[in-house]
Amino acid sequence: MIPAKSMDVRTTSEHLAAIDRSASSVYVLHEKYERRFPVHNHVKGQLTYVDGGIAYVHVEKNTLVIPARHYIWIPAGMDHFLQVGPSATAIRNIYFSLGNQEPPFYNEMGIYPVNNLLHEMILFTERCSGDVEPTNIHYVFLAGIKNILPELSPRHLPTALPTTQHVRLRPILQYLNAHAAEVLTLGTVSTAFDLSERSLSRLFQTVLSISFLQYLKQLRMVKAVELMLRKDLTLSQIAYATGYNSISAFSNTFYQLTQVRPSQFCQAIRSGNSTPDQTAVAV
């Protein structure tokens, strides 16, 4: 096990090489600041939990939002990079080697709520740093975290937002992001970019494989989750800030996408608990 002090002086490339150097180990990396890793992947599967704030994982053609009190599982071999919000206080990464007969859970990327049990287990891993080999007294504990993930995490949070570098669509996505609080329709947006409604609709389907309306819904829900971390905002204010003219319309859309009412979700992440009805194994 590598002492924490020596971990701090490693370069980014040294960290990336060290993670997969030992196939037999669980690799633990806790940091108090955001280390700017480039796009990369690992031979090991990755669990990442961010304390105190929101984070974004950019993977393939999607940006995923990790709300407070949630973790992300990134399968082995998947290209990604992490971006952490300014309120985050610690980034906790645990990398696990995987066998040939693992459950399907480990092959799929997902964002999941962290219940009290898993939260305490993740915090306990602060005692570890770097490679934790099977001979280490903490190895069985770390392996236990990996083994219970499929049981504790039966349903992932759908906060993925498609992204693109497409020269015509990218400015439109930036426009939607900047004007999410306003009334946005296929007609108003197509007019703003001197396109026909049909052309704009086709652009979303062709490039992102998603409809204009569905993208707008997902964008607004991602923004809503971000705003929920601000304890000075009411749900009504969040609804209006994300383009809804009624709390009921906002609530119904949020529930449709997440299967959790926004009032419950907001209370859970502000209080530091798991999202409602997901604190137990069964949902």
C-alpha atoms as a PDB file:
ATOM      1  CA  MET A   1       0.000   0.000   0.000  1.00  0.00           C
ATOM      2  CA  ILE A   2       1.410   3.391  -1.037  1.00  0.00           C
ATOM      3  CA  PRO A   3       1.514   6.140   1.605  1.00  0.00           C
ATOM      4  CA  ALA A   4      -0.798   9.067   0.872  1.00  0.00           C
ATOM      5  CA  LYS A   5       2.065  11.577   0.778  1.00  0.00           C
ATOM      6  CA  SER A   6       3.884   9.781  -2.012  1.00  0.00           C
ATOM      7  CA  MET A   7       0.624   9.519  -3.955  1.00  0.00           C
ATOM      8  CA  ASP A   8       0.302  13.317  -4.092  1.00  0.00           C
ATOM      9  CA  VAL A   9       3.544  13.849  -6.009  1.00  0.00           C
ATOM     10  CA  ARG A  10       2.722  11.475  -8.845  1.00  0.00           C
ATOM     11  CA  THR A  11       2.125  12.932 -12.275  1.00  0.00           C
ATOM     12  CA  THR A  12      -1.099  12.320 -14.167  1.00  0.00           C
ATOM     13  CA  SER A  13       0.535   9.768 -16.467  1.00  0.00           C
ATOM     14  CA  GLU A  14       2.044   7.964 -13.468  1.00  0.00           C
ATOM     15  CA  HIS A  15      -1.378   7.743 -11.809  1.00  0.00           C
ATOM     16  CA  LEU A  16      -2.967   6.284 -14.937  1.00  0.00           C
ATOM     17  CA  ALA A  17      -0.185   3.720 -15.334  1.00  0.00           C
ATOM     18  CA  ALA A  18      -0.305   2.735 -11.657  1.00  0.00           C
ATOM     19  CA  ILE A  19      -4.047   2.008 -11.654  1.00  0.00           C
ATOM     20  CA  ASP A  20      -3.728  -1.001 -13.962  1.00  0.00           C
ATOM     21  CA  ARG A  21      -0.185  -2.065 -13.104  1.00  0.00           C
ATOM     22  CA  SER A  22      -1.265  -4.873 -10.769  1.00  0.00           C
ATOM     23  CA  ALA A  23      -4.091  -7.083 -12.013  1.00  0.00           C
ATOM     24  CA  SER A  24      -4.528  -8.617  -8.568  1.00  0.00           C
ATOM     25  CA  SER A  25      -5.040  -5.380  -6.632  1.00  0.00           C
ATOM     26  CA  VAL A  26      -7.869  -3.007  -5.862  1.00  0.00           C
ATOM     27  CA  TYR A  27      -6.537   0.492  -6.531  1.00  0.00           C
ATOM     28  CA  VAL A  28      -7.751   3.351  -4.304  1.00  0.00           C
ATOM     29  CA  LEU A  29      -7.308   7.025  -5.143  1.00  0.00           C
ATOM     30  CA  HIS A  30      -8.721   9.780  -2.899  1.00  0.00           C
ATOM     31  CA  GLU A  31      -8.008  13.396  -3.780  1.00  0.00           C
ATOM     32  CA  LYS A  32      -9.011  16.766  -2.349  1.00  0.00           C
ATOM     33  CA  TYR A  33      -8.810  18.505  -5.688  1.00  0.00           C
ATOM     34  CA  GLU A  34      -9.676  17.774  -9.292  1.00  0.00           C
ATOM     35  CA  ARG A  35      -6.802  16.200 -11.172  1.00  0.00           C
ATOM     36  CA  ARG A  36      -7.255  16.955 -14.876  1.00  0.00           C
ATOM     37  CA  PHE A  37      -7.002  13.533 -16.472  1.00  0.00           C
ATOM     38  CA  PRO A  38      -7.253  13.490 -20.272  1.00  0.00           C
ATOM     39  CA  VAL A  39      -9.665  11.150 -22.024  1.00  0.00           C
ATOM     40  CA  HIS A  40      -8.577   7.693 -20.918  1.00  0.00           C
ATOM     41  CA  ASN A  41      -9.736   4.213 -19.954  1.00  0.00           C
ATOM     42  CA  HIS A  42      -8.722   1.468 -17.544  1.00  0.00           C
ATOM     43  CA  VAL A  43      -8.379  -2.286 -17.596  1.00  0.00           C
ATOM     44  CA  LYS A  44     -10.188  -2.178 -14.246  1.00  0.00           C
ATOM     45  CA  GLY A  45     -13.766  -1.136 -13.552  1.00  0.00           C
ATOM     46  CA  GLN A  46     -14.105   2.213 -11.780  1.00  0.00           C
ATOM     47  CA  LEU A  47     -16.339   3.439  -8.951  1.00  0.00           C
ATOM     48  CA  THR A  48     -16.244   7.219  -8.474  1.00  0.00           C
ATOM     49  CA  TYR A  49     -17.985   9.140  -5.699  1.00  0.00           C
ATOM     50  CA  VAL A  50     -17.692  12.927  -5.299  1.00  0.00           C
ATOM     51  CA  ASP A  51     -18.219  14.460  -1.863  1.00  0.00           C
ATOM     52  CA  GLY A  52     -20.043  17.740  -1.441  1.00  0.00           C
ATOM     53  CA  GLY A  53     -21.097  18.572  -4.956  1.00  0.00           C
ATOM     54  CA  ILE A  54     -21.912  17.659  -8.493  1.00  0.00           C
ATOM     55  CA  ALA A  55     -19.666  16.118 -11.141  1.00  0.00           C
ATOM     56  CA  TYR A  56     -19.798  15.466 -14.867  1.00  0.00           C
ATOM     57  CA  VAL A  57     -18.447  12.439 -16.679  1.00  0.00           C
ATOM     58  CA  HIS A  58     -17.865  12.831 -20.394  1.00  0.00           C
ATOM     59  CA  VAL A  59     -18.041   9.479 -22.117  1.00  0.00           C
ATOM     60  CA  GLU A  60     -18.452   8.560 -25.776  1.00  0.00           C
ATOM     61  CA  LYS A  61     -21.121  11.000 -27.064  1.00  0.00           C
ATOM     62  CA  ASN A  62     -22.758  11.732 -23.724  1.00  0.00           C
ATOM     63  CA  THR A  63     -22.229  13.931 -20.708  1.00  0.00           C
ATOM     64  CA  LEU A  64     -23.507  12.350 -17.502  1.00  0.00           C
ATOM     65  CA  VAL A  65     -24.328  14.358 -14.408  1.00  0.00           C
ATOM     66  CA  ILE A  66     -23.475  12.776 -11.051  1.00  0.00           C
ATOM     67  CA  PRO A  67     -25.636  14.481  -8.402  1.00  0.00           C
ATOM     68  CA  ALA A  68     -24.727  14.690  -4.749  1.00  0.00           C
ATOM     69  CA  ARG A  69     -25.011  11.362  -2.907  1.00  0.00           C
ATOM     70  CA  HIS A  70     -24.646   9.308  -6.090  1.00  0.00           C
ATOM     71  CA  TYR A  71     -21.783   7.313  -7.585  1.00  0.00           C
ATOM     72  CA  ILE A  72     -20.919   6.323 -11.126  1.00  0.00           C
ATOM     73  CA  TRP A  73     -19.748   2.918 -12.279  1.00  0.00           C
ATOM     74  CA  ILE A  74     -17.534   3.059 -15.387  1.00  0.00           C
ATOM     75  CA  PRO A  75     -16.889  -0.319 -17.041  1.00  0.00           C
ATOM     76  CA  ALA A  76     -13.400  -1.471 -17.931  1.00  0.00           C
ATOM     77  CA  GLY A  77     -12.143  -0.184 -21.268  1.00  0.00           C
ATOM     78  CA  MET A  78     -14.564   2.743 -21.597  1.00  0.00           C
ATOM     79  CA  ASP A  79     -13.045   6.082 -22.632  1.00  0.00           C
ATOM     80  CA  HIS A  80     -14.019   8.920 -20.284  1.00  0.00           C
ATOM     81  CA  PHE A  81     -12.913  11.969 -18.358  1.00  0.00           C
ATOM     82  CA  LEU A  82     -14.260  13.594 -15.194  1.00  0.00           C
ATOM     83  CA  GLN A  83     -15.125  17.223 -14.534  1.00  0.00           C
ATOM     84  CA  VAL A  84     -15.940  18.226 -10.948  1.00  0.00           C
ATOM     85  CA  GLY A  85     -18.118  21.119  -9.788  1.00  0.00           C
ATOM     86  CA  PRO A  86     -16.646  23.887  -7.592  1.00  0.00           C
ATOM     87  CA  SER A  87     -18.434  22.795  -4.408  1.00  0.00           C
ATOM     88  CA  ALA A  88     -16.891  19.303  -4.356  1.00  0.00           C
ATOM     89  CA  THR A  89     -14.638  18.590  -1.373  1.00  0.00           C
ATOM     90  CA  ALA A  90     -13.206  15.163  -2.261  1.00  0.00           C
ATOM     91  CA  ILE A  91     -13.059  12.765  -5.202  1.00  0.00           C
ATOM     92  CA  ARG A  92     -13.074   9.084  -4.271  1.00  0.00           C
ATOM     93  CA  ASN A  93     -12.071   6.530  -6.907  1.00  0.00           C
ATOM     94  CA  ILE A  94     -11.856   2.767  -6.443  1.00  0.00           C
ATOM     95  CA  TYR A  95     -10.685   0.532  -9.303  1.00  0.00           C
ATOM     96  CA  PHE A  96     -11.544  -3.178  -9.352  1.00  0.00           C
ATOM     97  CA  SER A  97     -10.247  -6.055 -11.448  1.00  0.00           C
ATOM     98  CA  LEU A  98     -13.065  -8.085 -12.974  1.00  0.00           C
ATOM     99  CA  GLY A  99     -13.370 -11.775 -13.741  1.00  0.00           C
ATOM    100  CA  ASN A 100     -14.913 -13.532 -16.736  1.00  0.00           C
ATOM    101  CA  GLN A 101     -18.113 -14.552 -14.950  1.00  0.00           C
ATOM    102  CA  GLU A 102     -19.149 -11.223 -13.431  1.00  0.00           C
ATOM    103  CA  PRO A 103     -22.821 -10.082 -13.374  1.00  0.00           C
ATOM    104  CA  PRO A 104     -23.950  -7.848 -16.286  1.00  0.00           C
ATOM    105  CA  PHE A 105     -23.991  -4.853 -13.909  1.00  0.00           C
ATOM    106  CA  TYR A 106     -20.231  -4.389 -14.282  1.00  0.00           C
ATOM    107  CA  ASN A 107     -20.425  -4.128 -18.082  1.00  0.00           C
ATOM    108  CA  GLU A 108     -22.808  -1.168 -18.096  1.00  0.00           C
ATOM    109  CA  MET A 109     -22.117   2.433 -17.172  1.00  0.00           C
ATOM    110  CA  GLY A 110     -24.592   3.905 -14.705  1.00  0.00           C
ATOM    111  CA  ILE A 111     -25.198   6.498 -11.994  1.00  0.00           C
ATOM    112  CA  TYR A 112     -26.682   5.139  -8.787  1.00  0.00           C
ATOM    113  CA  PRO A 113     -27.773   6.463  -5.378  1.00  0.00           C
ATOM    114  CA  VAL A 114     -25.468   5.898  -2.422  1.00  0.00           C
ATOM    115  CA  ASN A 115     -27.314   4.630   0.634  1.00  0.00           C
ATOM    116  CA  ASN A 116     -26.025   5.023   4.182  1.00  0.00           C
ATOM    117  CA  LEU A 117     -24.297   1.634   4.186  1.00  0.00           C
ATOM    118  CA  LEU A 118     -22.386   2.233   0.964  1.00  0.00           C
ATOM    119  CA  HIS A 119     -21.563   5.808   1.978  1.00  0.00           C
ATOM    120  CA  GLU A 120     -19.901   4.669   5.195  1.00  0.00           C
ATOM    121  CA  MET A 121     -18.040   1.915   3.364  1.00  0.00           C
ATOM    122  CA  ILE A 122     -16.684   4.390   0.798  1.00  0.00           C
ATOM    123  CA  LEU A 123     -15.578   6.773   3.562  1.00  0.00           C
ATOM    124  CA  PHE A 124     -13.816   3.895   5.324  1.00  0.00           C
ATOM    125  CA  THR A 125     -11.642   3.382   2.239  1.00  0.00           C
ATOM    126  CA  GLU A 126      -9.782   6.591   3.158  1.00  0.00           C
ATOM    127  CA  ARG A 127      -7.568   4.240   5.176  1.00  0.00           C
ATOM    128  CA  CYS A 128      -6.314   2.834   1.869  1.00  0.00           C
ATOM    129  CA  SER A 129      -4.218   4.375  -0.868  1.00  0.00           C
ATOM    130  CA  GLY A 130      -2.852   2.979  -4.106  1.00  0.00           C
ATOM    131  CA  ASP A 131      -2.613  -0.779  -4.668  1.00  0.00           C
ATOM    132  CA  VAL A 132      -4.382  -2.924  -2.090  1.00  0.00           C
ATOM    133  CA  GLU A 133      -3.303  -6.502  -2.729  1.00  0.00           C
ATOM    134  CA  PRO A 134      -5.069  -9.678  -1.508  1.00  0.00           C
ATOM    135  CA  THR A 135      -2.507  -9.950   1.306  1.00  0.00           C
ATOM    136  CA  ASN A 136      -3.624  -6.577   2.729  1.00  0.00           C
ATOM    137  CA  ILE A 137      -6.123  -6.682   5.612  1.00  0.00           C
ATOM    138  CA  HIS A 138      -8.400  -4.213   3.784  1.00  0.00           C
ATOM    139  CA  TYR A 139      -8.604  -6.204   0.551  1.00  0.00           C
ATOM    140  CA  VAL A 140     -11.609  -8.316   1.568  1.00  0.00           C
ATOM    141  CA  PHE A 141     -13.462  -5.180   2.660  1.00  0.00           C
ATOM    142  CA  LEU A 142     -12.833  -3.483  -0.695  1.00  0.00           C
ATOM    143  CA  ALA A 143     -13.835  -6.607  -2.606  1.00  0.00           C
ATOM    144  CA  GLY A 144     -17.030  -6.608  -0.552  1.00  0.00           C
ATOM    145  CA  ILE A 145     -17.893  -3.130  -1.845  1.00  0.00           C
ATOM    146  CA  LYS A 146     -17.605  -4.350  -5.415  1.00  0.00           C
ATOM    147  CA  ASN A 147     -19.627  -7.479  -4.751  1.00  0.00           C
ATOM    148  CA  ILE A 148     -22.634  -5.693  -3.213  1.00  0.00           C
ATOM    149  CA  LEU A 149     -22.975  -3.017  -5.915  1.00  0.00           C
ATOM    150  CA  PRO A 150     -25.412  -4.964  -8.148  1.00  0.00           C
ATOM    151  CA  GLU A 151     -27.658  -5.662  -5.156  1.00  0.00           C
ATOM    152  CA  LEU A 152     -27.575  -2.115  -3.803  1.00  0.00           C
ATOM    153  CA  SER A 153     -27.968  -0.495  -7.224  1.00  0.00           C
ATOM    154  CA  PRO A 154     -30.885  -2.056  -9.126  1.00  0.00           C
ATOM    155  CA  ARG A 155     -31.795   1.094 -11.058  1.00  0.00           C
ATOM    156  CA  HIS A 156     -29.605   3.833 -12.485  1.00  0.00           C
ATOM    157  CA  LEU A 157     -30.395   7.544 -12.659  1.00  0.00           C
ATOM    158  CA  PRO A 158     -31.054   8.731 -16.248  1.00  0.00           C
ATOM    159  CA  THR A 159     -29.063  11.972 -16.249  1.00  0.00           C
ATOM    160  CA  ALA A 160     -27.190  11.429 -19.500  1.00  0.00           C
ATOM    161  CA  LEU A 161     -27.177  14.320 -21.936  1.00  0.00           C
ATOM    162  CA  PRO A 162     -26.063  13.688 -25.531  1.00  0.00           C
ATOM    163  CA  THR A 163     -23.236  15.894 -26.766  1.00  0.00           C
ATOM    164  CA  THR A 164     -21.708  16.515 -30.165  1.00  0.00           C
ATOM    165  CA  GLN A 165     -19.061  18.504 -32.004  1.00  0.00           C
ATOM    166  CA  HIS A 166     -21.325  18.740 -35.050  1.00  0.00           C
ATOM    167  CA  VAL A 167     -20.715  22.161 -36.581  1.00  0.00           C
ATOM    168  CA  ARG A 168     -24.412  22.961 -37.098  1.00  0.00           C
ATOM    169  CA  LEU A 169     -25.920  21.358 -34.022  1.00  0.00           C
ATOM    170  CA  ARG A 170     -23.405  22.374 -31.364  1.00  0.00           C
ATOM    171  CA  PRO A 171     -24.372  26.104 -31.402  1.00  0.00           C
ATOM    172  CA  ILE A 172     -28.018  25.076 -31.112  1.00  0.00           C
ATOM    173  CA  LEU A 173     -27.280  22.969 -28.034  1.00  0.00           C
ATOM    174  CA  GLN A 174     -25.369  25.890 -26.522  1.00  0.00           C
ATOM    175  CA  TYR A 175     -28.356  28.127 -27.217  1.00  0.00           C
ATOM    176  CA  LEU A 176     -30.745  25.707 -25.499  1.00  0.00           C
ATOM    177  CA  ASN A 177     -28.447  25.510 -22.492  1.00  0.00           C
ATOM    178  CA  ALA A 178     -28.259  29.303 -22.200  1.00  0.00           C
ATOM    179  CA  HIS A 179     -32.018  29.833 -22.659  1.00  0.00           C
ATOM    180  CA  ALA A 180     -33.425  26.814 -20.802  1.00  0.00           C
ATOM    181  CA  ALA A 181     -35.555  29.057 -18.562  1.00  0.00           C
ATOM    182  CA  GLU A 182     -37.365  30.533 -21.563  1.00  0.00           C
ATOM    183  CA  VAL A 183     -40.193  29.194 -23.709  1.00  0.00           C
ATOM    184  CA  LEU A 184     -38.471  26.966 -26.250  1.00  0.00           C
ATOM    185  CA  THR A 185     -40.277  25.191 -29.042  1.00  0.00           C
ATOM    186  CA  LEU A 186     -39.214  23.585 -32.272  1.00  0.00           C
ATOM    187  CA  GLY A 187     -40.633  26.644 -34.015  1.00  0.00           C
ATOM    188  CA  THR A 188     -38.896  29.338 -31.957  1.00  0.00           C
ATOM    189  CA  VAL A 189     -35.512  27.613 -32.038  1.00  0.00           C
ATOM    190  CA  SER A 190     -35.652  26.825 -35.758  1.00  0.00           C
ATOM    191  CA  THR A 191     -36.504  30.475 -36.438  1.00  0.00           C
ATOM    192  CA  ALA A 192     -33.575  31.648 -34.294  1.00  0.00           C
ATOM    193  CA  PHE A 193     -31.201  29.610 -36.475  1.00  0.00           C
ATOM    194  CA  ASP A 194     -32.927  30.241 -39.798  1.00  0.00           C
ATOM    195  CA  LEU A 195     -33.910  26.607 -40.216  1.00  0.00           C
ATOM    196  CA  SER A 196     -37.196  24.928 -40.979  1.00  0.00           C
ATOM    197  CA  GLU A 197     -38.789  22.937 -38.165  1.00  0.00           C
ATOM    198  CA  ARG A 198     -38.386  19.819 -40.263  1.00  0.00           C
ATOM    199  CA  SER A 199     -34.657  20.426 -40.774  1.00  0.00           C
ATOM    200  CA  LEU A 200     -34.071  21.061 -37.072  1.00  0.00           C
ATOM    201  CA  SER A 201     -36.014  17.961 -36.079  1.00  0.00           C
ATOM    202  CA  ARG A 202     -34.058  15.857 -38.581  1.00  0.00           C
ATOM    203  CA  LEU A 203     -30.776  17.291 -37.291  1.00  0.00           C
ATOM    204  CA  PHE A 204     -31.477  16.083 -33.747  1.00  0.00           C
ATOM    205  CA  GLN A 205     -32.563  12.640 -34.907  1.00  0.00           C
ATOM    206  CA  THR A 206     -29.652  12.195 -37.311  1.00  0.00           C
ATOM    207  CA  VAL A 207     -26.842  13.460 -35.074  1.00  0.00           C
ATOM    208  CA  LEU A 208     -28.051  12.606 -31.549  1.00  0.00           C
ATOM    209  CA  SER A 209     -30.637   9.871 -32.240  1.00  0.00           C
ATOM    210  CA  ILE A 210     -33.058  11.759 -30.004  1.00  0.00           C
ATOM    211  CA  SER A 211     -35.956  14.120 -30.645  1.00  0.00           C
ATOM    212  CA  PHE A 212     -35.720  17.857 -30.030  1.00  0.00           C
ATOM    213  CA  LEU A 213     -38.382  17.634 -27.312  1.00  0.00           C
ATOM    214  CA  GLN A 214     -36.740  14.711 -25.527  1.00  0.00           C
ATOM    215  CA  TYR A 215     -33.371  16.454 -25.545  1.00  0.00           C
ATOM    216  CA  LEU A 216     -34.943  19.605 -24.099  1.00  0.00           C
ATOM    217  CA  LYS A 217     -36.620  17.575 -21.331  1.00  0.00           C
ATOM    218  CA  GLN A 218     -33.347  15.900 -20.404  1.00  0.00           C
ATOM    219  CA  LEU A 219     -31.441  19.180 -20.483  1.00  0.00           C
ATOM    220  CA  ARG A 220     -33.948  20.808 -18.145  1.00  0.00           C
ATOM    221  CA  MET A 221     -33.875  17.876 -15.739  1.00  0.00           C
ATOM    222  CA  VAL A 222     -30.076  17.985 -15.632  1.00  0.00           C
ATOM    223  CA  LYS A 223     -30.245  21.695 -14.848  1.00  0.00           C
ATOM    224  CA  ALA A 224     -32.876  21.028 -12.189  1.00  0.00           C
ATOM    225  CA  VAL A 225     -30.621  18.498 -10.459  1.00  0.00           C
ATOM    226  CA  GLU A 226     -27.783  21.042 -10.499  1.00  0.00           C
ATOM    227  CA  LEU A 227     -30.015  23.746  -8.989  1.00  0.00           C
ATOM    228  CA  MET A 228     -31.256  21.424  -6.245  1.00  0.00           C
ATOM    229  CA  LEU A 229     -27.858  21.701  -4.590  1.00  0.00           C
ATOM    230  CA  ARG A 230     -28.621  25.373  -3.941  1.00  0.00           C
ATOM    231  CA  LYS A 231     -30.508  25.343  -0.669  1.00  0.00           C
ATOM    232  CA  ASP A 232     -31.714  28.921  -1.160  1.00  0.00           C
ATOM    233  CA  LEU A 233     -33.963  27.893  -4.073  1.00  0.00           C
ATOM    234  CA  THR A 234     -37.488  26.510  -3.701  1.00  0.00           C
ATOM    235  CA  LEU A 235     -38.861  23.877  -6.052  1.00  0.00           C
ATOM    236  CA  SER A 236     -41.085  26.524  -7.643  1.00  0.00           C
ATOM    237  CA  GLN A 237     -38.045  28.664  -8.387  1.00  0.00           C
ATOM    238  CA  ILE A 238     -36.230  25.652  -9.826  1.00  0.00           C
ATOM    239  CA  ALA A 239     -39.247  24.804 -11.991  1.00  0.00           C
ATOM    240  CA  TYR A 240     -39.427  28.323 -13.431  1.00  0.00           C
ATOM    241  CA  ALA A 241     -35.635  28.470 -13.864  1.00  0.00           C
ATOM    242  CA  THR A 242     -35.833  25.367 -16.043  1.00  0.00           C
ATOM    243  CA  GLY A 243     -38.631  26.591 -18.285  1.00  0.00           C
ATOM    244  CA  TYR A 244     -41.762  25.235 -16.606  1.00  0.00           C
ATOM    245  CA  ASN A 245     -44.703  27.518 -15.865  1.00  0.00           C
ATOM    246  CA  SER A 246     -46.177  25.231 -13.225  1.00  0.00           C
ATOM    247  CA  ILE A 247     -44.772  23.074 -10.457  1.00  0.00           C
ATOM    248  CA  SER A 248     -47.063  20.194 -11.476  1.00  0.00           C
ATOM    249  CA  ALA A 249     -45.719  20.081 -15.046  1.00  0.00           C
ATOM    250  CA  PHE A 250     -42.169  20.154 -13.702  1.00  0.00           C
ATOM    251  CA  SER A 251     -42.913  17.456 -11.135  1.00  0.00           C
ATOM    252  CA  ASN A 252     -44.566  15.159 -13.665  1.00  0.00           C
ATOM    253  CA  THR A 253     -41.687  15.447 -16.143  1.00  0.00           C
ATOM    254  CA  PHE A 254     -39.079  14.915 -13.421  1.00  0.00           C
ATOM    255  CA  TYR A 255     -40.913  11.819 -12.192  1.00  0.00           C
ATOM    256  CA  GLN A 256     -41.313  10.520 -15.740  1.00  0.00           C
ATOM    257  CA  LEU A 257     -37.543  10.596 -16.244  1.00  0.00           C
ATOM    258  CA  THR A 258     -36.310   9.589 -12.773  1.00  0.00           C
ATOM    259  CA  GLN A 259     -39.208   7.700 -11.128  1.00  0.00           C
ATOM    260  CA  VAL A 260     -38.738   9.959  -8.083  1.00  0.00           C
ATOM    261  CA  ARG A 261     -40.712  13.086  -7.194  1.00  0.00           C
ATOM    262  CA  PRO A 262     -38.546  16.238  -7.278  1.00  0.00           C
ATOM    263  CA  SER A 263     -39.547  17.171  -3.733  1.00  0.00           C
ATOM    264  CA  GLN A 264     -38.247  13.833  -2.450  1.00  0.00           C
ATOM    265  CA  PHE A 265     -35.119  13.918  -4.597  1.00  0.00           C
ATOM    266  CA  CYS A 266     -34.309  17.482  -3.562  1.00  0.00           C
ATOM    267  CA  GLN A 267     -34.805  16.756   0.130  1.00  0.00           C
ATOM    268  CA  ALA A 268     -32.621  13.665  -0.102  1.00  0.00           C
ATOM    269  CA  ILE A 269     -29.590  15.260  -1.761  1.00  0.00           C
ATOM    270  CA  ARG A 270     -29.796  18.378   0.411  1.00  0.00           C
ATOM    271  CA  SER A 271     -29.925  16.338   3.598  1.00  0.00           C
ATOM    272  CA  GLY A 272     -27.158  13.965   2.482  1.00  0.00           C
ATOM    273  CA  ASN A 273     -29.357  10.874   2.325  1.00  0.00           C
ATOM    274  CA  SER A 274     -30.021   8.493  -0.536  1.00  0.00           C
ATOM    275  CA  THR A 275     -32.870   9.251  -2.878  1.00  0.00           C
ATOM    276  CA  PRO A 276     -36.232   8.046  -1.504  1.00  0.00           C
ATOM    277  CA  ASP A 277     -37.219   4.425  -1.895  1.00  0.00           C
ATOM    278  CA  GLN A 278     -33.665   3.604  -2.912  1.00  0.00           C
ATOM    279  CA  THR A 279     -32.124   3.333   0.534  1.00  0.00           C
ATOM    280  CA  ALA A 280     -33.111  -0.327   0.701  1.00  0.00           C
ATOM    281  CA  VAL A 281     -31.892  -3.090  -1.563  1.00  0.00           C
ATOM    282  CA  ALA A 282     -35.220  -3.457  -3.367  1.00  0.00           C
ATOM    283  CA  VAL A 283     -36.814  -0.570  -5.214  1.00  0.00           C
END
